[in-house]
Amino acid sequence: MRLRYVPGQYQYLKNCEKAITDPEKRGYKLNKAFGNNNPIHVELGCGKGKFLRENAVKNPDINYFGFEKSVKVAYRCAKSTFENDPPNYYIVYSNGDILREVFDESSISRIYLNFSDPWPKPSHYKRRLTHKSFLEVYKFVLADKGEIHMKTDNNDLFEYSLEQFENDSWEFIMVTRDLHKSAYKEDNIMTEYEERFINEGKKINKLVVRKKNG
């Protein structure tokens, strides 16, 4: 279902205590936003925030940032926040390609790429979040042994990503082409897309890779 534009969406995000807009213009790094030294996890493309919030509830000693580039989606995510939401997460209205600008080097422990746009045309592959240009950014902001967790229903994107990580010398921790029939299902937190795809009988691919030191 296509989300309709609601007047004042951006202003709502600017005024929402759980949202950060224009982080590159704030003059400080986001890893300082919580005022503590807890590990930082970042989700690129947080959608309506289900995965983001459930992780924040489950892991109160981890700080979460959910990036969302669509003002319509970020607005829907912010509108669904509540006063009793956990304090350890922020919605960030911005593109994930600014990570290097808004986080200190080696400051992020984990990055989640959940059901990213597959950009199926070869001429658009450079926009894929596992293209080598993005991997360079991730290596800059990830701490030593920092991880990337990726889930997708798109087999072409998954095979492409496996190749990109292998060519870039990342350490593979796990790979499955059917997450919900694997041993890794137990601790899995589903996104809104994931719930829909599972109901449609689709298989979910997942990989975890680790940044190598040096």
C-alpha atoms as a PDB file:
ATOM      1  CA  MET A   1       0.000   0.000   0.000  1.00  0.00           C
ATOM      2  CA  ARG A   2       1.359   3.381  -1.019  1.00  0.00           C
ATOM      3  CA  LEU A   3       1.674   5.843   1.844  1.00  0.00           C
ATOM      4  CA  ARG A   4       0.037   9.206   1.243  1.00  0.00           C
ATOM      5  CA  TYR A   5       1.776  12.479   1.934  1.00  0.00           C
ATOM      6  CA  VAL A   6       0.559  14.293   5.042  1.00  0.00           C
ATOM      7  CA  PRO A   7       1.294  18.031   5.285  1.00  0.00           C
ATOM      8  CA  GLY A   8       3.716  18.819   8.098  1.00  0.00           C
ATOM      9  CA  GLN A   9       5.461  15.429   8.144  1.00  0.00           C
ATOM     10  CA  TYR A  10       8.956  16.892   8.228  1.00  0.00           C
ATOM     11  CA  GLN A  11       8.027  19.419  10.907  1.00  0.00           C
ATOM     12  CA  TYR A  12       6.537  16.619  12.993  1.00  0.00           C
ATOM     13  CA  LEU A  13       9.815  14.709  12.743  1.00  0.00           C
ATOM     14  CA  LYS A  14      11.780  17.814  13.743  1.00  0.00           C
ATOM     15  CA  ASN A  15       9.644  18.179  16.875  1.00  0.00           C
ATOM     16  CA  CYS A  16       9.536  14.477  17.801  1.00  0.00           C
ATOM     17  CA  GLU A  17      11.765  13.621  20.765  1.00  0.00           C
ATOM     18  CA  LYS A  18      12.483  10.171  19.339  1.00  0.00           C
ATOM     19  CA  ALA A  19      13.523  11.471  15.897  1.00  0.00           C
ATOM     20  CA  ILE A  20      16.660  13.135  14.571  1.00  0.00           C
ATOM     21  CA  THR A  21      16.542  15.128  11.342  1.00  0.00           C
ATOM     22  CA  ASP A  22      19.445  16.539   9.320  1.00  0.00           C
ATOM     23  CA  PRO A  23      22.068  14.864  11.565  1.00  0.00           C
ATOM     24  CA  GLU A  24      24.898  16.055   9.301  1.00  0.00           C
ATOM     25  CA  LYS A  25      24.003  19.668  10.222  1.00  0.00           C
ATOM     26  CA  ARG A  26      23.960  19.223  14.001  1.00  0.00           C
ATOM     27  CA  GLY A  27      27.659  19.705  14.548  1.00  0.00           C
ATOM     28  CA  TYR A  28      28.222  16.613  16.664  1.00  0.00           C
ATOM     29  CA  LYS A  29      28.532  12.880  16.108  1.00  0.00           C
ATOM     30  CA  LEU A  30      25.501  10.698  16.699  1.00  0.00           C
ATOM     31  CA  ASN A  31      27.466   8.251  18.807  1.00  0.00           C
ATOM     32  CA  LYS A  32      27.469  10.980  21.489  1.00  0.00           C
ATOM     33  CA  ALA A  33      23.672  11.356  21.446  1.00  0.00           C
ATOM     34  CA  PHE A  34      22.940   8.988  24.339  1.00  0.00           C
ATOM     35  CA  GLY A  35      25.691  10.253  26.624  1.00  0.00           C
ATOM     36  CA  ASN A  36      27.008   6.776  27.442  1.00  0.00           C
ATOM     37  CA  ASN A  37      29.475   4.231  26.106  1.00  0.00           C
ATOM     38  CA  ASN A  38      27.013   1.456  25.340  1.00  0.00           C
ATOM     39  CA  PRO A  39      27.458  -0.434  22.057  1.00  0.00           C
ATOM     40  CA  ILE A  40      25.748   1.142  19.040  1.00  0.00           C
ATOM     41  CA  HIS A  41      23.634  -0.758  16.531  1.00  0.00           C
ATOM     42  CA  VAL A  42      22.371   0.908  13.342  1.00  0.00           C
ATOM     43  CA  GLU A  43      19.519  -0.246  11.104  1.00  0.00           C
ATOM     44  CA  LEU A  44      19.551   1.168   7.575  1.00  0.00           C
ATOM     45  CA  GLY A  45      15.956   1.365   6.400  1.00  0.00           C
ATOM     46  CA  CYS A  46      13.990   0.969   9.632  1.00  0.00           C
ATOM     47  CA  GLY A  47      10.538   1.197   8.035  1.00  0.00           C
ATOM     48  CA  LYS A  48       7.792   1.579  10.606  1.00  0.00           C
ATOM     49  CA  GLY A  49      10.173   0.668  13.416  1.00  0.00           C
ATOM     50  CA  LYS A  50       9.049  -2.777  14.563  1.00  0.00           C
ATOM     51  CA  PHE A  51      12.512  -4.355  14.406  1.00  0.00           C
ATOM     52  CA  LEU A  52      14.122  -1.246  15.890  1.00  0.00           C
ATOM     53  CA  ARG A  53      11.825  -1.029  18.915  1.00  0.00           C
ATOM     54  CA  GLU A  54      11.741  -4.731  19.693  1.00  0.00           C
ATOM     55  CA  ASN A  55      15.525  -4.825  19.734  1.00  0.00           C
ATOM     56  CA  ALA A  56      15.660  -1.753  21.961  1.00  0.00           C
ATOM     57  CA  VAL A  57      13.253  -3.373  24.429  1.00  0.00           C
ATOM     58  CA  LYS A  58      15.126  -6.669  24.401  1.00  0.00           C
ATOM     59  CA  ASN A  59      18.571  -5.070  24.764  1.00  0.00           C
ATOM     60  CA  PRO A  60      18.400  -2.022  27.090  1.00  0.00           C
ATOM     61  CA  ASP A  61      22.206  -1.788  27.270  1.00  0.00           C
ATOM     62  CA  ILE A  62      22.567  -1.225  23.510  1.00  0.00           C
ATOM     63  CA  ASN A  63      21.928   2.100  21.747  1.00  0.00           C
ATOM     64  CA  TYR A  64      19.965   1.903  18.485  1.00  0.00           C
ATOM     65  CA  PHE A  65      19.627   4.237  15.516  1.00  0.00           C
ATOM     66  CA  GLY A  66      17.100   3.463  12.795  1.00  0.00           C
ATOM     67  CA  PHE A  67      17.799   5.354   9.558  1.00  0.00           C
ATOM     68  CA  GLU A  68      14.905   5.978   7.178  1.00  0.00           C
ATOM     69  CA  LYS A  69      15.232   8.060   4.011  1.00  0.00           C
ATOM     70  CA  SER A  70      11.508   8.314   3.189  1.00  0.00           C
ATOM     71  CA  VAL A  71       9.807  11.178   5.015  1.00  0.00           C
ATOM     72  CA  LYS A  72       6.464   9.369   4.721  1.00  0.00           C
ATOM     73  CA  VAL A  73       7.809   6.204   6.318  1.00  0.00           C
ATOM     74  CA  ALA A  74       9.864   8.018   8.967  1.00  0.00           C
ATOM     75  CA  TYR A  75       6.761  10.009   9.871  1.00  0.00           C
ATOM     76  CA  ARG A  76       4.707   6.830  10.260  1.00  0.00           C
ATOM     77  CA  CYS A  77       7.459   5.393  12.435  1.00  0.00           C
ATOM     78  CA  ALA A  78       7.591   8.508  14.628  1.00  0.00           C
ATOM     79  CA  LYS A  79       3.787   8.687  14.900  1.00  0.00           C
ATOM     80  CA  SER A  80       3.755   5.192  16.385  1.00  0.00           C
ATOM     81  CA  THR A  81       6.087   6.081  19.266  1.00  0.00           C
ATOM     82  CA  PHE A  82       4.756   6.136  22.818  1.00  0.00           C
ATOM     83  CA  GLU A  83       5.776   7.801  26.071  1.00  0.00           C
ATOM     84  CA  ASN A  84       6.781   4.431  27.534  1.00  0.00           C
ATOM     85  CA  ASP A  85       8.968   3.481  24.577  1.00  0.00           C
ATOM     86  CA  PRO A  86      12.504   2.444  25.559  1.00  0.00           C
ATOM     87  CA  PRO A  87      14.935   5.381  25.819  1.00  0.00           C
ATOM     88  CA  ASN A  88      17.746   3.635  23.920  1.00  0.00           C
ATOM     89  CA  TYR A  89      16.718   4.293  20.322  1.00  0.00           C
ATOM     90  CA  TYR A  90      16.315   7.133  17.824  1.00  0.00           C
ATOM     91  CA  ILE A  91      14.685   7.331  14.411  1.00  0.00           C
ATOM     92  CA  VAL A  92      17.025   9.155  12.023  1.00  0.00           C
ATOM     93  CA  TYR A  93      15.457  10.794   8.980  1.00  0.00           C
ATOM     94  CA  SER A  94      18.353  10.597   6.557  1.00  0.00           C
ATOM     95  CA  ASN A  95      20.128   8.401   4.022  1.00  0.00           C
ATOM     96  CA  GLY A  96      22.467   5.712   5.262  1.00  0.00           C
ATOM     97  CA  ASP A  97      25.227   6.989   2.990  1.00  0.00           C
ATOM     98  CA  ILE A  98      26.091   9.700   5.522  1.00  0.00           C
ATOM     99  CA  LEU A  99      27.271   7.275   8.208  1.00  0.00           C
ATOM    100  CA  ARG A 100      30.855   8.389   7.806  1.00  0.00           C
ATOM    101  CA  GLU A 101      29.841  12.007   8.348  1.00  0.00           C
ATOM    102  CA  VAL A 102      27.740  11.505  11.469  1.00  0.00           C
ATOM    103  CA  PHE A 103      29.569   8.736  13.365  1.00  0.00           C
ATOM    104  CA  ASP A 104      33.116   8.623  14.675  1.00  0.00           C
ATOM    105  CA  GLU A 105      35.472   6.056  13.203  1.00  0.00           C
ATOM    106  CA  SER A 106      35.094   2.570  14.769  1.00  0.00           C
ATOM    107  CA  SER A 107      32.102   3.657  16.850  1.00  0.00           C
ATOM    108  CA  ILE A 108      29.408   1.221  15.628  1.00  0.00           C
ATOM    109  CA  SER A 109      29.230  -2.405  16.764  1.00  0.00           C
ATOM    110  CA  ARG A 110      26.611  -3.677  14.339  1.00  0.00           C
ATOM    111  CA  ILE A 111      24.781  -2.631  11.171  1.00  0.00           C
ATOM    112  CA  TYR A 112      21.484  -4.184  10.065  1.00  0.00           C
ATOM    113  CA  LEU A 113      20.491  -4.303   6.397  1.00  0.00           C
ATOM    114  CA  ASN A 114      16.930  -5.584   6.485  1.00  0.00           C
ATOM    115  CA  PHE A 115      15.132  -6.070   3.157  1.00  0.00           C
ATOM    116  CA  SER A 116      16.982  -3.274   1.419  1.00  0.00           C
ATOM    117  CA  ASP A 117      15.907  -2.099  -2.026  1.00  0.00           C
ATOM    118  CA  PRO A 118      17.351  -4.713  -4.447  1.00  0.00           C
ATOM    119  CA  TRP A 119      17.871  -2.224  -7.299  1.00  0.00           C
ATOM    120  CA  PRO A 120      17.496  -5.022  -9.895  1.00  0.00           C
ATOM    121  CA  LYS A 121      18.893  -3.197 -12.939  1.00  0.00           C
ATOM    122  CA  PRO A 122      22.668  -3.707 -13.357  1.00  0.00           C
ATOM    123  CA  SER A 123      23.040   0.004 -14.040  1.00  0.00           C
ATOM    124  CA  HIS A 124      21.723   0.639 -10.526  1.00  0.00           C
ATOM    125  CA  TYR A 125      23.904  -1.863  -8.661  1.00  0.00           C
ATOM    126  CA  LYS A 126      26.012   0.956  -7.235  1.00  0.00           C
ATOM    127  CA  ARG A 127      22.960   1.971  -5.198  1.00  0.00           C
ATOM    128  CA  ARG A 128      22.780  -1.390  -3.470  1.00  0.00           C
ATOM    129  CA  LEU A 129      23.708  -1.148   0.197  1.00  0.00           C
ATOM    130  CA  THR A 130      26.219  -3.954  -0.244  1.00  0.00           C
ATOM    131  CA  HIS A 131      28.031  -2.316  -3.166  1.00  0.00           C
ATOM    132  CA  LYS A 132      31.760  -1.943  -2.534  1.00  0.00           C
ATOM    133  CA  SER A 133      31.420   1.819  -2.044  1.00  0.00           C
ATOM    134  CA  PHE A 134      29.104   1.239   0.921  1.00  0.00           C
ATOM    135  CA  LEU A 135      31.348  -1.497   2.300  1.00  0.00           C
ATOM    136  CA  GLU A 136      34.153   1.053   2.565  1.00  0.00           C
ATOM    137  CA  VAL A 137      31.899   3.290   4.649  1.00  0.00           C
ATOM    138  CA  TYR A 138      30.901   0.392   6.897  1.00  0.00           C
ATOM    139  CA  LYS A 139      34.524  -0.539   7.494  1.00  0.00           C
ATOM    140  CA  PHE A 140      35.244   3.026   8.592  1.00  0.00           C
ATOM    141  CA  VAL A 141      32.407   3.298  11.135  1.00  0.00           C
ATOM    142  CA  LEU A 142      32.437  -0.295  12.425  1.00  0.00           C
ATOM    143  CA  ALA A 143      34.502  -1.126  15.480  1.00  0.00           C
ATOM    144  CA  ASP A 144      37.040  -3.958  15.410  1.00  0.00           C
ATOM    145  CA  LYS A 145      35.105  -7.191  14.849  1.00  0.00           C
ATOM    146  CA  GLY A 146      31.992  -5.127  14.108  1.00  0.00           C
ATOM    147  CA  GLU A 147      29.279  -7.026  12.264  1.00  0.00           C
ATOM    148  CA  ILE A 148      26.805  -6.595   9.432  1.00  0.00           C
ATOM    149  CA  HIS A 149      23.554  -8.569   9.646  1.00  0.00           C
ATOM    150  CA  MET A 150      21.631  -8.759   6.385  1.00  0.00           C
ATOM    151  CA  LYS A 151      18.199 -10.228   5.610  1.00  0.00           C
ATOM    152  CA  THR A 152      16.453 -10.256   2.237  1.00  0.00           C
ATOM    153  CA  ASP A 153      13.870 -12.208   0.274  1.00  0.00           C
ATOM    154  CA  ASN A 154      15.626 -11.264  -2.979  1.00  0.00           C
ATOM    155  CA  ASN A 155      17.901 -14.109  -4.097  1.00  0.00           C
ATOM    156  CA  ASP A 156      19.749 -12.047  -6.686  1.00  0.00           C
ATOM    157  CA  LEU A 157      20.635  -9.366  -4.148  1.00  0.00           C
ATOM    158  CA  PHE A 158      21.713 -12.024  -1.666  1.00  0.00           C
ATOM    159  CA  GLU A 159      24.065 -13.771  -4.103  1.00  0.00           C
ATOM    160  CA  TYR A 160      25.444 -10.399  -5.185  1.00  0.00           C
ATOM    161  CA  SER A 161      26.061  -9.445  -1.542  1.00  0.00           C
ATOM    162  CA  LEU A 162      27.823 -12.722  -0.764  1.00  0.00           C
ATOM    163  CA  GLU A 163      30.174 -12.045  -3.646  1.00  0.00           C
ATOM    164  CA  GLN A 164      30.790  -8.444  -2.582  1.00  0.00           C
ATOM    165  CA  PHE A 165      31.644  -9.405   0.990  1.00  0.00           C
ATOM    166  CA  GLU A 166      33.892 -12.241  -0.153  1.00  0.00           C
ATOM    167  CA  ASN A 167      35.742 -10.030  -2.612  1.00  0.00           C
ATOM    168  CA  ASP A 168      36.213  -7.424   0.106  1.00  0.00           C
ATOM    169  CA  SER A 169      37.654  -9.996   2.548  1.00  0.00           C
ATOM    170  CA  TRP A 170      34.959  -9.903   5.242  1.00  0.00           C
ATOM    171  CA  GLU A 171      34.771 -12.816   7.681  1.00  0.00           C
ATOM    172  CA  PHE A 172      31.603 -14.887   7.254  1.00  0.00           C
ATOM    173  CA  ILE A 173      29.910 -15.841  10.529  1.00  0.00           C
ATOM    174  CA  MET A 174      26.728 -17.388   9.167  1.00  0.00           C
ATOM    175  CA  VAL A 175      24.826 -17.833   5.910  1.00  0.00           C
ATOM    176  CA  THR A 176      21.378 -19.334   5.410  1.00  0.00           C
ATOM    177  CA  ARG A 177      19.005 -19.271   2.477  1.00  0.00           C
ATOM    178  CA  ASP A 178      16.002 -20.298   4.557  1.00  0.00           C
ATOM    179  CA  LEU A 179      16.212 -18.533   7.907  1.00  0.00           C
ATOM    180  CA  HIS A 180      12.879 -19.731   9.260  1.00  0.00           C
ATOM    181  CA  LYS A 181      13.799 -23.384   8.769  1.00  0.00           C
ATOM    182  CA  SER A 182      17.286 -22.990  10.192  1.00  0.00           C
ATOM    183  CA  ALA A 183      18.858 -23.158  13.642  1.00  0.00           C
ATOM    184  CA  TYR A 184      19.106 -19.349  13.582  1.00  0.00           C
ATOM    185  CA  LYS A 185      15.349 -18.795  13.721  1.00  0.00           C
ATOM    186  CA  GLU A 186      15.109 -18.902  17.522  1.00  0.00           C
ATOM    187  CA  ASP A 187      16.541 -15.449  18.270  1.00  0.00           C
ATOM    188  CA  ASN A 188      15.228 -13.798  15.112  1.00  0.00           C
ATOM    189  CA  ILE A 189      13.209 -10.586  15.404  1.00  0.00           C
ATOM    190  CA  MET A 190      11.046 -10.070  12.345  1.00  0.00           C
ATOM    191  CA  THR A 191      10.474  -6.846  10.445  1.00  0.00           C
ATOM    192  CA  GLU A 192       7.109  -5.835   8.982  1.00  0.00           C
ATOM    193  CA  TYR A 193       8.262  -6.939   5.521  1.00  0.00           C
ATOM    194  CA  GLU A 194       9.512 -10.233   6.880  1.00  0.00           C
ATOM    195  CA  GLU A 195       6.163 -11.068   8.463  1.00  0.00           C
ATOM    196  CA  ARG A 196       4.426 -10.386   5.151  1.00  0.00           C
ATOM    197  CA  PHE A 197       6.901 -12.440   3.128  1.00  0.00           C
ATOM    198  CA  ILE A 198       6.642 -15.390   5.514  1.00  0.00           C
ATOM    199  CA  ASN A 199       2.855 -15.310   5.230  1.00  0.00           C
ATOM    200  CA  GLU A 200       3.306 -15.417   1.440  1.00  0.00           C
ATOM    201  CA  GLY A 201       5.492 -18.511   1.757  1.00  0.00           C
ATOM    202  CA  LYS A 202       8.741 -16.833   0.726  1.00  0.00           C
ATOM    203  CA  LYS A 203      12.136 -17.962   1.994  1.00  0.00           C
ATOM    204  CA  ILE A 204      14.274 -15.459   3.867  1.00  0.00           C
ATOM    205  CA  ASN A 205      18.022 -15.239   3.244  1.00  0.00           C
ATOM    206  CA  LYS A 206      20.318 -14.104   6.029  1.00  0.00           C
ATOM    207  CA  LEU A 207      24.035 -13.536   6.407  1.00  0.00           C
ATOM    208  CA  VAL A 208      26.293 -12.222   9.136  1.00  0.00           C
ATOM    209  CA  VAL A 209      29.773 -10.955   8.320  1.00  0.00           C
ATOM    210  CA  ARG A 210      32.461  -9.488  10.548  1.00  0.00           C
ATOM    211  CA  LYS A 211      34.966  -6.755   9.847  1.00  0.00           C
ATOM    212  CA  LYS A 212      38.502  -8.087   9.827  1.00  0.00           C
ATOM    213  CA  ASN A 213      41.142  -6.151  11.713  1.00  0.00           C
ATOM    214  CA  GLY A 214      43.906  -4.509   9.758  1.00  0.00           C
END
